[in-house]
């Protein structure tokens, strides 16, 4: 597998993992038997592009609440049951001098043999208009965690499946029409995209290798993707558009949109959140 596409495939596979929710609505991100719950904590933070407050609760008792935005940890807002949190609590914006203490807090809440849960809410004090903080990628490097590791895919290195055939390119839809119109409205930053299902089934654009990965993923995981989207929409099958966090190597994000029985999966250069959301509003108007 091409190294440049590995983070993209890892991000796609994050869609297929079934979500489990604990009492109260918290999402379980690490089971008691997981070998490295800290990796799951960091990946949850790395998926957060827009400003959010993430509360991580261990079944063992401790809890850690972080303000996260743009794949950066901005501040610690609560740490009940965790010793040594004083150096991070009350700091408006975390800086390099706080990284070791923050890692210790993360390790203390994400301990093996205990289930780890996350609850997402509005960002805490100070809002999310902060361009600094500690990058999640830096924290992961310091604890030797690969955020793009395809965990559990034992056959990934043994034998790479042949790429699925790329669907025939069709004439582009009129701007603003359906999912193809969404792709056009996002603009050239949408480097590769594919539509599966619905009236626009088979439309695609972009480099063959990227489109092939998108096609192969949807061939295997369309039902799993729809189940995950149903968790984010008011009712099963309803229109929904989400962005998955930017990858580490080339700064790509994954755009997923569902409309009228069709599903668009695309690779966006850069974070692209504003352009994608504006385009989606135009499609629904």
Protein backbone atom coordinates (compact mmCIF):
# COMPACT_ATOMS: atom_id res chain seq x y z
CA UNK A 1 0.00 0.00 0.00
CA UNK A 2 1.27 3.45 -0.93
CA UNK A 3 2.50 5.27 2.20
CA UNK A 4 0.65 8.42 1.20
CA UNK A 5 -2.68 6.58 1.14
CA UNK A 6 -2.19 4.72 4.44
CA UNK A 7 -3.60 7.56 6.61
CA UNK A 8 -6.58 7.85 4.25
CA UNK A 9 -7.35 4.14 4.52
CA UNK A 10 -6.92 4.29 8.30
CA UNK A 11 -9.43 7.13 8.47
CA UNK A 12 -11.88 5.18 6.30
CA UNK A 13 -11.61 2.15 8.54
CA UNK A 14 -12.54 4.29 11.53
CA UNK A 15 -16.02 4.47 10.03
CA UNK A 16 -16.64 0.73 10.10
CA UNK A 17 -15.96 0.15 13.82
CA UNK A 18 -19.32 -0.37 15.54
CA UNK A 19 -20.01 2.23 18.21
CA UNK A 20 -21.09 1.14 21.70
CA UNK A 21 -22.62 3.55 24.17
CA UNK A 22 -22.63 3.33 27.95
CA UNK A 23 -25.39 4.51 30.26
CA UNK A 24 -25.75 8.27 29.98
CA UNK A 25 -24.75 8.39 26.31
CA UNK A 26 -20.94 8.20 26.62
CA UNK A 27 -19.27 6.41 23.71
CA UNK A 28 -17.01 3.50 24.61
CA UNK A 29 -13.68 3.97 22.81
CA UNK A 30 -11.65 1.26 24.59
CA UNK A 31 -12.81 -2.02 26.09
CA UNK A 32 -11.37 -3.48 29.28
CA UNK A 33 -9.32 -5.92 27.20
CA UNK A 34 -7.76 -3.30 24.89
CA UNK A 35 -3.97 -3.33 25.11
CA UNK A 36 -3.48 0.40 24.53
CA UNK A 37 -6.46 2.59 25.52
CA UNK A 38 -4.19 5.66 25.36
CA UNK A 39 -4.05 5.21 21.58
CA UNK A 40 -7.85 5.33 21.43
CA UNK A 41 -7.92 8.49 23.55
CA UNK A 42 -5.43 10.21 21.24
CA UNK A 43 -7.28 9.08 18.12
CA UNK A 44 -10.55 10.45 19.49
CA UNK A 45 -8.83 13.81 20.06
CA UNK A 46 -7.22 13.66 16.62
CA UNK A 47 -10.64 13.27 14.96
CA UNK A 48 -11.83 16.54 16.51
CA UNK A 49 -11.53 19.39 14.03
CA UNK A 50 -14.17 21.80 15.30
CA UNK A 51 -13.87 23.05 18.86
CA UNK A 52 -15.29 20.51 21.33
CA UNK A 53 -14.98 19.53 24.98
CA UNK A 54 -14.05 15.86 25.32
CA UNK A 55 -14.64 14.21 28.69
CA UNK A 56 -12.78 10.91 29.05
CA UNK A 57 -14.04 8.66 31.85
CA UNK A 58 -12.31 5.49 33.02
CA UNK A 59 -14.34 2.68 34.54
CA UNK A 60 -11.64 2.71 37.20
CA UNK A 61 -12.81 6.10 38.46
CA UNK A 62 -10.65 8.98 37.15
CA UNK A 63 -11.84 11.45 34.52
CA UNK A 64 -10.12 13.98 32.26
CA UNK A 65 -11.85 16.77 30.31
CA UNK A 66 -10.01 18.50 27.47
CA UNK A 67 -10.86 21.36 25.15
CA UNK A 68 -9.79 20.23 21.67
CA UNK A 69 -9.86 22.03 18.34
CA UNK A 70 -8.12 21.52 15.01
CA UNK A 71 -6.38 18.33 16.26
CA UNK A 72 -4.79 20.30 19.12
CA UNK A 73 -5.38 20.04 22.84
CA UNK A 74 -6.03 23.59 23.98
CA UNK A 75 -6.55 23.15 27.72
CA UNK A 76 -7.49 20.87 30.60
CA UNK A 77 -10.78 21.90 32.22
CA UNK A 78 -11.33 19.09 34.74
CA UNK A 79 -9.38 16.15 36.15
CA UNK A 80 -11.25 14.55 39.09
CA UNK A 81 -9.44 11.59 40.59
CA UNK A 82 -6.12 12.42 38.90
CA UNK A 83 -3.07 13.43 40.90
CA UNK A 84 -0.71 16.11 39.62
CA UNK A 85 -3.26 17.94 37.49
CA UNK A 86 -2.55 21.32 39.07
CA UNK A 87 0.11 22.30 36.54
CA UNK A 88 -2.38 21.99 33.65
CA UNK A 89 -5.64 23.03 35.29
CA UNK A 90 -6.26 26.76 35.10
CA UNK A 91 -3.85 27.23 32.18
CA UNK A 92 -5.66 29.14 29.45
CA UNK A 93 -3.66 27.57 26.63
CA UNK A 94 -1.36 24.57 26.99
CA UNK A 95 2.20 25.11 25.81
CA UNK A 96 5.26 22.96 25.22
CA UNK A 97 6.23 23.08 28.89
CA UNK A 98 2.97 21.32 29.80
CA UNK A 99 3.25 18.37 27.42
CA UNK A 100 4.88 15.92 29.87
CA UNK A 101 2.31 16.64 32.58
CA UNK A 102 -0.54 16.33 30.09
CA UNK A 103 0.75 12.97 28.87
CA UNK A 104 0.87 11.71 32.47
CA UNK A 105 -2.76 12.72 32.96
CA UNK A 106 -3.76 10.97 29.74
CA UNK A 107 -1.90 7.82 30.77
CA UNK A 108 -3.55 7.90 34.19
CA UNK A 109 -7.08 8.03 32.79
CA UNK A 110 -6.44 5.62 29.89
CA UNK A 111 -5.21 2.65 31.88
CA UNK A 112 -5.36 -0.95 30.63
CA UNK A 113 -7.97 -3.31 32.09
CA UNK A 114 -10.53 -0.51 32.41
CA UNK A 115 -13.18 0.54 29.92
CA UNK A 116 -12.63 4.07 28.58
CA UNK A 117 -15.53 6.29 27.50
CA UNK A 118 -15.77 9.72 25.88
CA UNK A 119 -18.53 12.32 25.97
CA UNK A 120 -18.43 15.27 23.57
CA UNK A 121 -19.94 18.67 24.35
CA UNK A 122 -19.58 22.39 23.65
CA UNK A 123 -16.08 23.72 24.15
CA UNK A 124 -15.30 25.17 27.59
CA UNK A 125 -13.97 28.55 28.57
CA UNK A 126 -12.42 30.88 26.06
CA UNK A 127 -14.11 29.47 22.97
CA UNK A 128 -12.27 27.65 20.17
CA UNK A 129 -10.63 30.56 18.35
CA UNK A 130 -7.14 29.51 19.38
CA UNK A 131 -4.43 28.56 16.91
CA UNK A 132 -1.96 27.18 19.42
CA UNK A 133 -2.12 24.43 22.03
CA UNK A 134 -0.44 21.03 21.85
CA UNK A 135 -0.78 19.05 18.58
CA UNK A 136 -2.22 15.57 19.11
CA UNK A 137 0.33 14.28 16.58
CA UNK A 138 3.18 15.55 18.80
CA UNK A 139 1.72 13.89 21.91
CA UNK A 140 1.32 10.62 19.98
CA UNK A 141 4.92 10.75 18.79
CA UNK A 142 6.17 11.26 22.35
CA UNK A 143 4.42 8.08 23.55
CA UNK A 144 5.31 6.12 20.38
CA UNK A 145 1.74 5.76 19.15
CA UNK A 146 0.94 5.63 15.44
CA UNK A 147 -2.37 7.43 14.95
CA UNK A 148 -2.76 5.76 11.55
CA UNK A 149 -2.10 2.19 12.70
CA UNK A 150 -4.59 -0.21 11.10
CA UNK A 151 -5.02 -2.15 14.34
CA UNK A 152 -6.53 -5.58 14.05
CA UNK A 153 -6.01 -5.84 10.29
CA UNK A 154 -3.70 -8.84 10.50
CA UNK A 155 -3.84 -9.52 6.80
CA UNK A 156 -2.98 -5.97 5.72
CA UNK A 157 0.74 -6.64 5.40
CA UNK A 158 0.51 -10.30 4.45
CA UNK A 159 -1.50 -9.79 1.30
CA UNK A 160 -2.82 -6.57 -0.10
CA UNK A 161 -6.05 -7.08 -2.07
CA UNK A 162 -6.15 -5.96 -5.66
CA UNK A 163 -7.79 -2.57 -6.08
CA UNK A 164 -11.42 -2.66 -7.10
CA UNK A 165 -12.07 -1.53 -10.67
CA UNK A 166 -12.52 2.21 -11.02
CA UNK A 167 -16.04 3.08 -12.19
CA UNK A 168 -16.38 4.71 -15.57
CA UNK A 169 -16.20 8.49 -15.44
CA UNK A 170 -19.51 10.10 -16.28
CA UNK A 171 -20.33 13.62 -17.35
CA UNK A 172 -20.49 15.97 -14.35
CA UNK A 173 -23.87 16.92 -12.94
CA UNK A 174 -25.14 20.45 -13.05
CA UNK A 175 -23.72 22.61 -10.24
CA UNK A 176 -25.81 22.35 -7.09
CA UNK A 177 -27.54 19.11 -8.16
CA UNK A 178 -27.29 16.28 -5.64
CA UNK A 179 -24.05 14.75 -4.41
CA UNK A 180 -22.19 15.44 -7.66
CA UNK A 181 -23.18 19.08 -7.28
CA UNK A 182 -21.82 18.97 -3.73
CA UNK A 183 -18.49 17.69 -5.05
CA UNK A 184 -18.32 20.46 -7.63
CA UNK A 185 -19.26 23.11 -5.07
CA UNK A 186 -16.48 22.02 -2.71
CA UNK A 187 -14.06 22.84 -5.51
CA UNK A 188 -10.59 21.63 -6.53
CA UNK A 189 -9.67 20.88 -2.92
CA UNK A 190 -11.78 17.72 -3.24
CA UNK A 191 -9.02 15.66 -4.82
CA UNK A 192 -10.93 12.42 -5.31
CA UNK A 193 -14.55 11.36 -4.82
CA UNK A 194 -16.94 8.56 -5.55
CA UNK A 195 -20.74 8.22 -5.34
CA UNK A 196 -22.31 4.85 -4.55
CA UNK A 197 -26.05 4.26 -4.78
CA UNK A 198 -28.90 6.55 -5.73
CA UNK A 199 -29.47 8.23 -9.07
CA UNK A 200 -25.81 9.30 -9.33
CA UNK A 201 -24.32 5.87 -8.65
CA UNK A 202 -20.90 5.45 -10.27
CA UNK A 203 -19.94 9.09 -10.68
CA UNK A 204 -16.37 9.76 -9.62
CA UNK A 205 -13.38 11.99 -10.15
CA UNK A 206 -9.72 12.05 -9.16
CA UNK A 207 -6.56 9.92 -9.35
CA UNK A 208 -7.29 6.26 -10.02
CA UNK A 209 -5.42 5.01 -6.94
CA UNK A 210 -7.45 7.18 -4.58
CA UNK A 211 -10.77 6.39 -6.26
CA UNK A 212 -9.92 2.68 -6.20
CA UNK A 213 -9.39 2.79 -2.44
CA UNK A 214 -12.71 4.60 -2.00
CA UNK A 215 -14.49 2.07 -4.22
CA UNK A 216 -12.94 -0.95 -2.51
CA UNK A 217 -13.81 0.40 0.92
CA UNK A 218 -17.45 1.04 0.02
CA UNK A 219 -17.78 -2.37 -1.64
CA UNK A 220 -16.97 -3.96 1.71
CA UNK A 221 -18.28 -1.45 4.23
CA UNK A 222 -21.29 0.42 2.81
CA UNK A 223 -23.68 -1.02 5.40
CA UNK A 224 -21.29 -0.22 8.26
CA UNK A 225 -20.88 3.35 7.02
CA UNK A 226 -24.66 3.82 6.87
CA UNK A 227 -25.00 2.51 10.43
CA UNK A 228 -22.45 5.04 11.63
CA UNK A 229 -24.17 7.87 9.76
CA UNK A 230 -27.50 6.86 11.30
CA UNK A 231 -25.96 7.60 14.71
CA UNK A 232 -25.41 11.19 13.57
CA UNK A 233 -28.72 11.78 11.77
CA UNK A 234 -32.23 12.36 13.16
CA UNK A 235 -33.57 9.18 11.54
CA UNK A 236 -32.21 6.21 9.53
CA UNK A 237 -31.33 7.12 5.98
CA UNK A 238 -31.67 10.88 6.54
CA UNK A 239 -29.33 13.30 4.72
CA UNK A 240 -26.10 13.88 6.63
CA UNK A 241 -22.64 15.28 5.91
CA UNK A 242 -19.59 14.76 8.13
CA UNK A 243 -15.87 15.43 7.97
CA UNK A 244 -13.32 13.05 9.45
CA UNK A 245 -10.16 14.60 10.89
CA UNK A 246 -7.21 15.51 8.71
CA UNK A 247 -4.52 12.91 8.16
CA UNK A 248 -1.01 13.37 9.47
CA UNK A 249 1.14 12.86 6.39
CA UNK A 250 -0.47 14.93 3.64
CA UNK A 251 -3.10 16.97 5.46
CA UNK A 252 -6.11 15.31 3.86
CA UNK A 253 -9.59 14.97 5.35
CA UNK A 254 -12.36 12.53 4.48
CA UNK A 255 -15.75 13.91 3.40
CA UNK A 256 -18.76 11.61 3.83
CA UNK A 257 -22.22 12.74 2.63
CA UNK A 258 -25.50 10.87 2.23
CA UNK A 259 -28.46 12.13 0.20
CA UNK A 260 -31.44 10.49 -1.55
CA UNK A 261 -30.06 6.96 -1.20
CA UNK A 262 -26.60 7.87 -2.47
CA UNK A 263 -23.35 8.07 -0.54
CA UNK A 264 -20.40 10.31 -1.45
CA UNK A 265 -16.97 9.51 -0.12
CA UNK A 266 -14.21 11.99 -0.91
CA UNK A 267 -10.66 13.03 -0.06
CA UNK A 268 -10.20 16.75 0.67
CA UNK A 269 -6.85 18.52 0.63
CA UNK A 270 -6.40 20.40 3.90
CA UNK A 271 -9.09 20.56 6.54
CA UNK A 272 -11.68 21.99 4.12
CA UNK A 273 -14.41 22.21 6.75
CA UNK A 274 -15.73 25.62 5.75
CA UNK A 275 -15.95 24.86 2.02
CA UNK A 276 -17.62 21.50 2.62
CA UNK A 277 -20.23 22.82 5.05
CA UNK A 278 -21.05 25.80 2.80
CA UNK A 279 -21.44 23.46 -0.18
CA UNK A 280 -23.65 21.11 1.83
CA UNK A 281 -25.96 23.94 2.89
CA UNK A 282 -26.27 24.89 -0.77
CA UNK A 283 -27.29 21.35 -1.71
CA UNK A 284 -29.98 21.22 0.97
CA UNK A 285 -31.33 24.71 0.17
